[in-house]
Amino acid sequence: MPTAVRTQTPGNVWKVLVKVGDKVKAGDTLFILEVMKMEVPHEAPVDGTVTAVHVSEGEEGLDADAPVVEIA
């Protein structure tokens, strides 16, 4: 069962640092949101392989708790 990494707050996608197939370790930064002019990094909660990326850089208006990356 994949682990979904979700946004913690509403914001815009500033940077996506992974792509499908990338191997990640817990603590690696996966993407960075821009929230109220601040950069908020989101990290991998588990080791695994990125199986899906649901956003692209520059995407605006993500809601809180939106799924962004899946890791299996």
Protein backbone atom coordinates (compact mmCIF):
# COMPACT_ATOMS: atom_id res chain seq x y z
CA MET A 1 0.00 0.00 0.00
CA PRO A 2 1.58 3.32 -1.07
CA THR A 3 2.12 6.10 1.44
CA ALA A 4 0.59 9.40 0.30
CA VAL A 5 2.54 12.54 1.15
CA ARG A 6 0.05 15.39 1.48
CA THR A 7 0.25 19.14 1.84
CA GLN A 8 0.19 20.40 5.40
CA THR A 9 -1.25 23.80 4.50
CA PRO A 10 -2.80 25.41 1.41
CA GLY A 11 -0.23 26.81 -0.98
CA ASN A 12 1.44 26.84 -4.38
CA VAL A 13 3.93 24.28 -5.66
CA TRP A 14 7.28 26.03 -5.79
CA LYS A 15 9.55 23.04 -6.52
CA VAL A 16 9.12 19.30 -7.16
CA LEU A 17 12.37 17.48 -6.37
CA VAL A 18 11.40 13.90 -7.30
CA LYS A 19 9.93 11.97 -10.21
CA VAL A 20 8.29 8.57 -10.57
CA GLY A 21 10.86 5.83 -10.07
CA ASP A 22 13.15 7.81 -7.76
CA LYS A 23 14.30 6.01 -4.62
CA VAL A 24 13.96 8.15 -1.48
CA LYS A 25 14.92 7.83 2.17
CA ALA A 26 12.83 9.03 5.11
CA GLY A 27 13.66 12.70 5.62
CA ASP A 28 14.49 13.46 1.97
CA THR A 29 12.76 16.61 0.71
CA LEU A 30 10.18 15.70 -1.94
CA PHE A 31 8.63 19.05 -2.79
CA ILE A 32 8.49 22.64 -1.56
CA LEU A 33 5.32 24.67 -1.22
CA GLU A 34 5.15 28.44 -1.21
CA VAL A 35 2.90 29.45 1.67
CA MET A 36 2.42 33.16 2.39
CA LYS A 37 5.79 34.00 0.74
CA MET A 38 7.62 31.30 2.75
CA GLU A 39 9.12 28.08 1.39
CA VAL A 40 7.77 25.02 3.24
CA PRO A 41 9.62 21.76 2.45
CA HIS A 42 7.75 18.44 2.70
CA GLU A 43 9.80 15.34 3.48
CA ALA A 44 9.42 11.63 2.84
CA PRO A 45 7.98 9.90 5.92
CA VAL A 46 9.33 6.49 4.81
CA ASP A 47 12.02 4.90 2.63
CA GLY A 48 10.79 3.69 -0.75
CA THR A 49 10.24 4.40 -4.42
CA VAL A 50 8.15 7.28 -5.75
CA THR A 51 5.16 5.71 -7.53
CA ALA A 52 3.19 8.88 -8.37
CA VAL A 53 3.57 12.66 -8.47
CA HIS A 54 0.21 14.44 -8.64
CA VAL A 55 1.41 18.05 -9.13
CA SER A 56 3.79 20.07 -11.25
CA GLU A 57 6.01 23.04 -10.44
CA GLY A 58 4.12 26.31 -10.55
CA GLU A 59 0.75 24.74 -9.78
CA GLU A 60 -1.31 27.13 -7.70
CA GLY A 61 -4.08 26.84 -5.18
CA LEU A 62 -3.48 23.45 -3.57
CA ASP A 63 -5.76 22.77 -0.64
CA ALA A 64 -4.52 21.56 2.74
CA ASP A 65 -4.23 17.76 2.84
CA ALA A 66 -3.98 17.45 -0.97
CA PRO A 67 -2.07 14.33 -2.08
CA VAL A 68 1.16 15.31 -3.84
CA VAL A 69 3.53 12.31 -3.92
CA GLU A 70 3.04 8.57 -3.32
CA ILE A 71 5.81 6.28 -2.06
CA ALA A 72 5.76 2.48 -2.03
